[in-house]
Amino acid sequence: MTNSSRLLVTVCAAASMFFASGCRYLKQDMANQPKNLPLSPSDFFADGRSERPILENTVAHGSIADDELFVPKDSNSFPLKVDLHLLQRGEQRYRIFCSPCHGLQGDGNGLVSMRGMKRPPTYHQERLRQASNGYFYDNITNGFGAMYGYSAQIPPADRWAIIAYVRALQLSRNAKVSELPKELQEKLSSPNTGANTGIAGDIPGGAKPGEIGSVKDSPAGAKKE
């Protein structure tokens, strides 16, 4: 090897060491950022903690409005006024988020369950007809069984709209004659009442003629006391 070759090798080696050391320092500059990892100690604060306690009376953005609509799981109260607008909103949200599994009529025959997923229970069974409003609100919020929680997708007001609509579905098959409006009672007592008239068809999403809860299945069209 000639002297010029040795010199070239030496220069290349020195350059490589220089750039390697430079990259090492640059890499550490990227890795050693001035930050605190969760629950890591810190010398900046007197108590040595990087995580700071929440200030007194601190509330999350929007939590006050949400708290007004919260009820305990065993509560049967309803924090919103139930009217036609709420039921229409509930029907729209129910069709989007609930009907794929629970079915349009709440009987558990949704398209998802018909294709192999676990079939949810029907809303028309006695247990769920007697369940509290807070029970439904908790299930929508936190999930239940194979159902995931929908707190991120459905705001609290819409959860109550869905619950109102579910109650309407339950009434469409289990309403008592004495609890119906006078005009519907007169319709049921009319001698001309046929299979195409009755309670079920008067509630959106209710049972259709010929199905459970329709007038065709029961001459009275509803359960009597």
C-alpha atoms as a PDB file:
ATOM      1  CA  MET A   1       0.000   0.000   0.000  1.00  0.00           C
ATOM      2  CA  THR A   2       1.436   3.357  -0.990  1.00  0.00           C
ATOM      3  CA  ASN A   3       1.776   6.312   1.310  1.00  0.00           C
ATOM      4  CA  SER A   4      -1.041   8.092  -0.527  1.00  0.00           C
ATOM      5  CA  SER A   5      -3.322   5.104  -0.026  1.00  0.00           C
ATOM      6  CA  ARG A   6      -2.528   4.987   3.711  1.00  0.00           C
ATOM      7  CA  LEU A   7      -3.244   8.707   3.947  1.00  0.00           C
ATOM      8  CA  LEU A   8      -6.597   8.281   2.186  1.00  0.00           C
ATOM      9  CA  VAL A   9      -7.582   5.429   4.478  1.00  0.00           C
ATOM     10  CA  THR A  10      -6.616   7.462   7.545  1.00  0.00           C
ATOM     11  CA  VAL A  11      -8.612  10.478   6.345  1.00  0.00           C
ATOM     12  CA  CYS A  12     -11.679   8.332   5.614  1.00  0.00           C
ATOM     13  CA  ALA A  13     -11.465   6.680   9.028  1.00  0.00           C
ATOM     14  CA  ALA A  14     -11.164  10.042  10.780  1.00  0.00           C
ATOM     15  CA  ALA A  15     -14.091  11.402   8.770  1.00  0.00           C
ATOM     16  CA  SER A  16     -16.181   8.361   9.611  1.00  0.00           C
ATOM     17  CA  MET A  17     -15.488   8.742  13.327  1.00  0.00           C
ATOM     18  CA  PHE A  18     -16.310  12.435  13.150  1.00  0.00           C
ATOM     19  CA  PHE A  19     -19.629  11.931  11.397  1.00  0.00           C
ATOM     20  CA  ALA A  20     -20.512   8.964  13.589  1.00  0.00           C
ATOM     21  CA  SER A  21     -19.942  10.984  16.724  1.00  0.00           C
ATOM     22  CA  GLY A  22     -21.958  13.835  15.250  1.00  0.00           C
ATOM     23  CA  CYS A  23     -24.881  11.545  14.408  1.00  0.00           C
ATOM     24  CA  ARG A  24     -24.700  10.088  17.897  1.00  0.00           C
ATOM     25  CA  TYR A  25     -25.072  13.502  19.459  1.00  0.00           C
ATOM     26  CA  LEU A  26     -27.806  14.458  17.023  1.00  0.00           C
ATOM     27  CA  LYS A  27     -29.635  11.243  17.847  1.00  0.00           C
ATOM     28  CA  GLN A  28     -29.418  11.974  21.568  1.00  0.00           C
ATOM     29  CA  ASP A  29     -30.710  15.477  20.952  1.00  0.00           C
ATOM     30  CA  MET A  30     -33.812  13.907  19.422  1.00  0.00           C
ATOM     31  CA  ALA A  31     -34.166  11.199  22.060  1.00  0.00           C
ATOM     32  CA  ASN A  32     -33.459  13.281  25.168  1.00  0.00           C
ATOM     33  CA  GLN A  33     -36.225  15.823  24.730  1.00  0.00           C
ATOM     34  CA  PRO A  34     -37.074  18.152  27.623  1.00  0.00           C
ATOM     35  CA  LYS A  35     -40.325  16.480  28.629  1.00  0.00           C
ATOM     36  CA  ASN A  36     -41.827  14.408  31.403  1.00  0.00           C
ATOM     37  CA  LEU A  37     -43.256  10.961  30.824  1.00  0.00           C
ATOM     38  CA  PRO A  38     -46.486  10.061  32.658  1.00  0.00           C
ATOM     39  CA  LEU A  39     -45.895   9.731  36.418  1.00  0.00           C
ATOM     40  CA  SER A  40     -42.165  10.409  36.034  1.00  0.00           C
ATOM     41  CA  PRO A  41     -40.391  12.416  38.766  1.00  0.00           C
ATOM     42  CA  SER A  42     -39.549  16.054  38.220  1.00  0.00           C
ATOM     43  CA  ASP A  43     -37.203  18.472  39.989  1.00  0.00           C
ATOM     44  CA  PHE A  44     -39.164  21.438  38.690  1.00  0.00           C
ATOM     45  CA  PHE A  45     -41.943  21.170  41.289  1.00  0.00           C
ATOM     46  CA  ALA A  46     -41.461  21.201  45.021  1.00  0.00           C
ATOM     47  CA  ASP A  47     -43.308  17.887  45.539  1.00  0.00           C
ATOM     48  CA  GLY A  48     -41.108  16.151  42.933  1.00  0.00           C
ATOM     49  CA  ARG A  49     -44.071  15.058  40.797  1.00  0.00           C
ATOM     50  CA  SER A  50     -44.516  15.832  37.114  1.00  0.00           C
ATOM     51  CA  GLU A  51     -48.254  15.041  37.256  1.00  0.00           C
ATOM     52  CA  ARG A  52     -50.078  17.987  38.741  1.00  0.00           C
ATOM     53  CA  PRO A  53     -53.197  17.568  40.912  1.00  0.00           C
ATOM     54  CA  ILE A  54     -56.456  18.942  39.528  1.00  0.00           C
ATOM     55  CA  LEU A  55     -57.305  22.374  40.821  1.00  0.00           C
ATOM     56  CA  GLU A  56     -60.252  22.620  43.175  1.00  0.00           C
ATOM     57  CA  ASN A  57     -63.661  22.971  41.435  1.00  0.00           C
ATOM     58  CA  THR A  58     -62.174  22.048  38.055  1.00  0.00           C
ATOM     59  CA  VAL A  59     -64.747  20.609  35.614  1.00  0.00           C
ATOM     60  CA  ALA A  60     -64.233  19.106  32.184  1.00  0.00           C
ATOM     61  CA  HIS A  61     -65.554  21.023  29.203  1.00  0.00           C
ATOM     62  CA  GLY A  62     -69.195  20.083  28.625  1.00  0.00           C
ATOM     63  CA  SER A  63     -69.446  17.903  31.722  1.00  0.00           C
ATOM     64  CA  ILE A  64     -72.021  20.116  33.457  1.00  0.00           C
ATOM     65  CA  ALA A  65     -74.505  19.687  30.623  1.00  0.00           C
ATOM     66  CA  ASP A  66     -73.836  15.940  30.576  1.00  0.00           C
ATOM     67  CA  ASP A  67     -74.281  15.657  34.343  1.00  0.00           C
ATOM     68  CA  GLU A  68     -77.758  17.175  34.071  1.00  0.00           C
ATOM     69  CA  LEU A  69     -78.785  14.212  31.895  1.00  0.00           C
ATOM     70  CA  PHE A  70     -77.178  11.530  34.062  1.00  0.00           C
ATOM     71  CA  VAL A  71     -79.352   9.315  36.246  1.00  0.00           C
ATOM     72  CA  PRO A  72     -78.366   6.343  38.437  1.00  0.00           C
ATOM     73  CA  LYS A  73     -78.647   2.909  36.900  1.00  0.00           C
ATOM     74  CA  ASP A  74     -81.664   1.986  39.031  1.00  0.00           C
ATOM     75  CA  SER A  75     -83.494   5.271  38.431  1.00  0.00           C
ATOM     76  CA  ASN A  76     -86.650   5.393  36.336  1.00  0.00           C
ATOM     77  CA  SER A  77     -86.648   9.172  35.914  1.00  0.00           C
ATOM     78  CA  PHE A  78     -86.486  10.800  32.482  1.00  0.00           C
ATOM     79  CA  PRO A  79     -84.579  14.128  32.351  1.00  0.00           C
ATOM     80  CA  LEU A  80     -85.959  15.299  28.985  1.00  0.00           C
ATOM     81  CA  LYS A  81     -89.435  16.230  27.833  1.00  0.00           C
ATOM     82  CA  VAL A  82     -90.873  13.400  25.771  1.00  0.00           C
ATOM     83  CA  ASP A  83     -92.586  14.755  22.669  1.00  0.00           C
ATOM     84  CA  LEU A  84     -92.902  13.892  18.994  1.00  0.00           C
ATOM     85  CA  HIS A  85     -89.647  15.676  18.134  1.00  0.00           C
ATOM     86  CA  LEU A  86     -87.706  13.587  20.681  1.00  0.00           C
ATOM     87  CA  LEU A  87     -89.285  10.358  19.412  1.00  0.00           C
ATOM     88  CA  GLN A  88     -88.440  11.218  15.809  1.00  0.00           C
ATOM     89  CA  ARG A  89     -84.864  11.991  16.799  1.00  0.00           C
ATOM     90  CA  GLY A  90     -84.727   8.743  18.753  1.00  0.00           C
ATOM     91  CA  GLU A  91     -86.032   6.754  15.789  1.00  0.00           C
ATOM     92  CA  GLN A  92     -83.367   8.271  13.526  1.00  0.00           C
ATOM     93  CA  ARG A  93     -80.531   7.547  15.985  1.00  0.00           C
ATOM     94  CA  TYR A  94     -81.918   4.083  16.739  1.00  0.00           C
ATOM     95  CA  ARG A  95     -81.957   3.145  13.064  1.00  0.00           C
ATOM     96  CA  ILE A  96     -78.326   4.261  12.708  1.00  0.00           C
ATOM     97  CA  PHE A  97     -76.730   2.830  15.839  1.00  0.00           C
ATOM     98  CA  CYS A  98     -79.084   0.145  17.199  1.00  0.00           C
ATOM     99  CA  SER A  99     -81.083  -1.479  14.402  1.00  0.00           C
ATOM    100  CA  PRO A 100     -78.121  -3.386  12.856  1.00  0.00           C
ATOM    101  CA  CYS A 101     -78.196  -5.698  15.902  1.00  0.00           C
ATOM    102  CA  HIS A 102     -81.526  -5.053  17.652  1.00  0.00           C
ATOM    103  CA  GLY A 103     -83.657  -4.879  14.515  1.00  0.00           C
ATOM    104  CA  LEU A 104     -86.036  -2.160  13.395  1.00  0.00           C
ATOM    105  CA  GLN A 105     -88.708  -3.373  15.819  1.00  0.00           C
ATOM    106  CA  GLY A 106     -86.418  -4.119  18.764  1.00  0.00           C
ATOM    107  CA  ASP A 107     -86.888  -7.883  18.528  1.00  0.00           C
ATOM    108  CA  GLY A 108     -83.172  -8.672  18.089  1.00  0.00           C
ATOM    109  CA  ASN A 109     -83.498  -9.666  14.446  1.00  0.00           C
ATOM    110  CA  GLY A 110     -81.015  -7.153  13.050  1.00  0.00           C
ATOM    111  CA  LEU A 111     -78.977  -7.800   9.944  1.00  0.00           C
ATOM    112  CA  VAL A 112     -75.797  -8.281  11.983  1.00  0.00           C
ATOM    113  CA  SER A 113     -77.318 -10.932  14.259  1.00  0.00           C
ATOM    114  CA  MET A 114     -78.918 -12.641  11.245  1.00  0.00           C
ATOM    115  CA  ARG A 115     -75.412 -13.083   9.811  1.00  0.00           C
ATOM    116  CA  GLY A 116     -73.904 -14.941  12.731  1.00  0.00           C
ATOM    117  CA  MET A 117     -73.302 -12.439  15.526  1.00  0.00           C
ATOM    118  CA  LYS A 118     -74.799 -13.123  18.942  1.00  0.00           C
ATOM    119  CA  ARG A 119     -78.494 -12.267  18.895  1.00  0.00           C
ATOM    120  CA  PRO A 120     -79.422  -9.603  21.450  1.00  0.00           C
ATOM    121  CA  PRO A 121     -82.535 -10.104  23.598  1.00  0.00           C
ATOM    122  CA  THR A 122     -85.818  -8.665  22.426  1.00  0.00           C
ATOM    123  CA  TYR A 123     -86.915  -5.415  24.035  1.00  0.00           C
ATOM    124  CA  HIS A 124     -90.418  -6.873  24.328  1.00  0.00           C
ATOM    125  CA  GLN A 125     -89.564  -9.444  26.976  1.00  0.00           C
ATOM    126  CA  GLU A 126     -90.827  -8.823  30.491  1.00  0.00           C
ATOM    127  CA  ARG A 127     -87.366  -8.250  31.988  1.00  0.00           C
ATOM    128  CA  LEU A 128     -86.521  -5.357  29.670  1.00  0.00           C
ATOM    129  CA  ARG A 129     -90.018  -3.895  29.744  1.00  0.00           C
ATOM    130  CA  GLN A 130     -89.625  -3.618  33.522  1.00  0.00           C
ATOM    131  CA  ALA A 131     -86.004  -2.407  33.380  1.00  0.00           C
ATOM    132  CA  SER A 132     -85.361   1.149  34.542  1.00  0.00           C
ATOM    133  CA  ASN A 133     -84.526   4.033  32.217  1.00  0.00           C
ATOM    134  CA  GLY A 134     -81.168   4.330  33.969  1.00  0.00           C
ATOM    135  CA  TYR A 135     -80.410   0.723  33.050  1.00  0.00           C
ATOM    136  CA  PHE A 136     -80.792   1.504  29.340  1.00  0.00           C
ATOM    137  CA  TYR A 137     -78.799   4.724  29.692  1.00  0.00           C
ATOM    138  CA  ASP A 138     -75.948   2.876  31.404  1.00  0.00           C
ATOM    139  CA  ASN A 139     -75.889   0.166  28.733  1.00  0.00           C
ATOM    140  CA  ILE A 140     -75.745   2.692  25.900  1.00  0.00           C
ATOM    141  CA  THR A 141     -73.020   4.641  27.681  1.00  0.00           C
ATOM    142  CA  ASN A 142     -70.799   1.806  28.931  1.00  0.00           C
ATOM    143  CA  GLY A 143     -71.878  -1.182  26.875  1.00  0.00           C
ATOM    144  CA  PHE A 144     -73.191  -4.552  27.993  1.00  0.00           C
ATOM    145  CA  GLY A 145     -72.065  -8.066  27.072  1.00  0.00           C
ATOM    146  CA  ALA A 146     -70.966  -8.161  23.445  1.00  0.00           C
ATOM    147  CA  MET A 147     -72.152  -4.578  22.926  1.00  0.00           C
ATOM    148  CA  TYR A 148     -69.522  -1.856  23.163  1.00  0.00           C
ATOM    149  CA  GLY A 149     -70.252   1.469  24.837  1.00  0.00           C
ATOM    150  CA  TYR A 150     -71.447   4.321  22.618  1.00  0.00           C
ATOM    151  CA  SER A 151     -70.425   7.254  24.817  1.00  0.00           C
ATOM    152  CA  ALA A 152     -68.080   8.544  22.102  1.00  0.00           C
ATOM    153  CA  GLN A 153     -70.607   8.227  19.278  1.00  0.00           C
ATOM    154  CA  ILE A 154     -73.919   9.145  20.921  1.00  0.00           C
ATOM    155  CA  PRO A 155     -74.194  12.312  23.064  1.00  0.00           C
ATOM    156  CA  PRO A 156     -76.305  12.086  26.249  1.00  0.00           C
ATOM    157  CA  ALA A 157     -79.366  13.848  24.794  1.00  0.00           C
ATOM    158  CA  ASP A 158     -79.478  11.396  21.884  1.00  0.00           C
ATOM    159  CA  ARG A 159     -79.142   8.458  24.278  1.00  0.00           C
ATOM    160  CA  TRP A 160     -82.343   9.599  25.965  1.00  0.00           C
ATOM    161  CA  ALA A 161     -84.013  10.064  22.595  1.00  0.00           C
ATOM    162  CA  ILE A 162     -83.160   6.442  21.773  1.00  0.00           C
ATOM    163  CA  ILE A 163     -84.507   5.275  25.148  1.00  0.00           C
ATOM    164  CA  ALA A 164     -87.764   7.137  24.520  1.00  0.00           C
ATOM    165  CA  TYR A 165     -88.092   5.429  21.148  1.00  0.00           C
ATOM    166  CA  VAL A 166     -87.330   2.011  22.653  1.00  0.00           C
ATOM    167  CA  ARG A 167     -90.139   2.609  25.156  1.00  0.00           C
ATOM    168  CA  ALA A 168     -92.431   3.468  22.226  1.00  0.00           C
ATOM    169  CA  LEU A 169     -91.484   0.189  20.553  1.00  0.00           C
ATOM    170  CA  GLN A 170     -92.304  -1.670  23.756  1.00  0.00           C
ATOM    171  CA  LEU A 171     -95.674   0.081  24.013  1.00  0.00           C
ATOM    172  CA  SER A 172     -96.447  -0.836  20.415  1.00  0.00           C
ATOM    173  CA  ARG A 173     -96.793  -4.465  21.512  1.00  0.00           C
ATOM    174  CA  ASN A 174     -97.706  -4.217  25.175  1.00  0.00           C
ATOM    175  CA  ALA A 175     -99.981  -1.207  25.612  1.00  0.00           C
ATOM    176  CA  LYS A 176    -103.053  -1.590  27.805  1.00  0.00           C
ATOM    177  CA  VAL A 177    -106.351  -0.450  26.341  1.00  0.00           C
ATOM    178  CA  SER A 178    -107.113   1.753  29.351  1.00  0.00           C
ATOM    179  CA  GLU A 179    -103.845   3.657  28.848  1.00  0.00           C
ATOM    180  CA  LEU A 180    -104.507   4.542  25.205  1.00  0.00           C
ATOM    181  CA  PRO A 181    -105.824   7.898  23.981  1.00  0.00           C
ATOM    182  CA  LYS A 182    -109.599   8.063  23.679  1.00  0.00           C
ATOM    183  CA  GLU A 183    -109.568   8.111  19.869  1.00  0.00           C
ATOM    184  CA  LEU A 184    -107.555   4.870  19.767  1.00  0.00           C
ATOM    185  CA  GLN A 185    -109.884   3.218  22.262  1.00  0.00           C
ATOM    186  CA  GLU A 186    -112.809   4.140  20.035  1.00  0.00           C
ATOM    187  CA  LYS A 187    -110.967   2.716  17.015  1.00  0.00           C
ATOM    188  CA  LEU A 188    -110.418  -0.575  18.831  1.00  0.00           C
ATOM    189  CA  SER A 189    -114.049  -0.825  19.933  1.00  0.00           C
ATOM    190  CA  SER A 190    -115.339  -0.059  16.447  1.00  0.00           C
ATOM    191  CA  PRO A 191    -116.997  -3.094  14.794  1.00  0.00           C
ATOM    192  CA  ASN A 192    -115.191  -2.211  11.557  1.00  0.00           C
ATOM    193  CA  THR A 193    -111.745  -2.670  13.092  1.00  0.00           C
ATOM    194  CA  GLY A 194    -109.767  -4.872  10.727  1.00  0.00           C
ATOM    195  CA  ALA A 195    -106.296  -6.253  10.391  1.00  0.00           C
ATOM    196  CA  ASN A 196    -104.960  -3.003   8.937  1.00  0.00           C
ATOM    197  CA  THR A 197    -105.897  -0.763  11.860  1.00  0.00           C
ATOM    198  CA  GLY A 198    -104.673  -0.765  15.418  1.00  0.00           C
ATOM    199  CA  ILE A 199    -102.136   0.483  17.868  1.00  0.00           C
ATOM    200  CA  ALA A 200     -99.043  -1.092  16.403  1.00  0.00           C
ATOM    201  CA  GLY A 201     -99.299   0.723  13.110  1.00  0.00           C
ATOM    202  CA  ASP A 202     -99.778   4.070  14.855  1.00  0.00           C
ATOM    203  CA  ILE A 203     -96.333   4.058  16.467  1.00  0.00           C
ATOM    204  CA  PRO A 204     -93.297   4.443  14.150  1.00  0.00           C
ATOM    205  CA  GLY A 205     -91.404   1.175  13.962  1.00  0.00           C
ATOM    206  CA  GLY A 206     -94.206  -0.717  15.697  1.00  0.00           C
ATOM    207  CA  ALA A 207     -95.393  -4.171  14.774  1.00  0.00           C
ATOM    208  CA  LYS A 208     -97.007  -4.368  11.370  1.00  0.00           C
ATOM    209  CA  PRO A 209    -100.323  -6.144  10.670  1.00  0.00           C
ATOM    210  CA  GLY A 210     -99.918  -9.887  10.945  1.00  0.00           C
ATOM    211  CA  GLU A 211     -96.960  -9.655  13.356  1.00  0.00           C
ATOM    212  CA  ILE A 212     -96.824 -10.039  17.118  1.00  0.00           C
ATOM    213  CA  GLY A 213     -98.729  -7.231  18.769  1.00  0.00           C
ATOM    214  CA  SER A 214    -100.840  -6.361  15.737  1.00  0.00           C
ATOM    215  CA  VAL A 215    -104.620  -6.396  15.669  1.00  0.00           C
ATOM    216  CA  LYS A 216    -104.575  -9.530  13.552  1.00  0.00           C
ATOM    217  CA  ASP A 217    -102.947 -11.452  16.391  1.00  0.00           C
ATOM    218  CA  SER A 218    -105.304 -10.121  19.027  1.00  0.00           C
ATOM    219  CA  PRO A 219    -108.938  -9.112  18.470  1.00  0.00           C
ATOM    220  CA  ALA A 220    -108.502  -6.304  20.963  1.00  0.00           C
ATOM    221  CA  GLY A 221    -105.212  -5.169  19.416  1.00  0.00           C
ATOM    222  CA  ALA A 222    -103.692  -4.709  22.870  1.00  0.00           C
ATOM    223  CA  LYS A 223    -103.485  -6.317  26.270  1.00  0.00           C
ATOM    224  CA  LYS A 224    -106.467  -5.744  28.499  1.00  0.00           C
ATOM    225  CA  GLU A 225    -106.263  -5.208  32.197  1.00  0.00           C
END
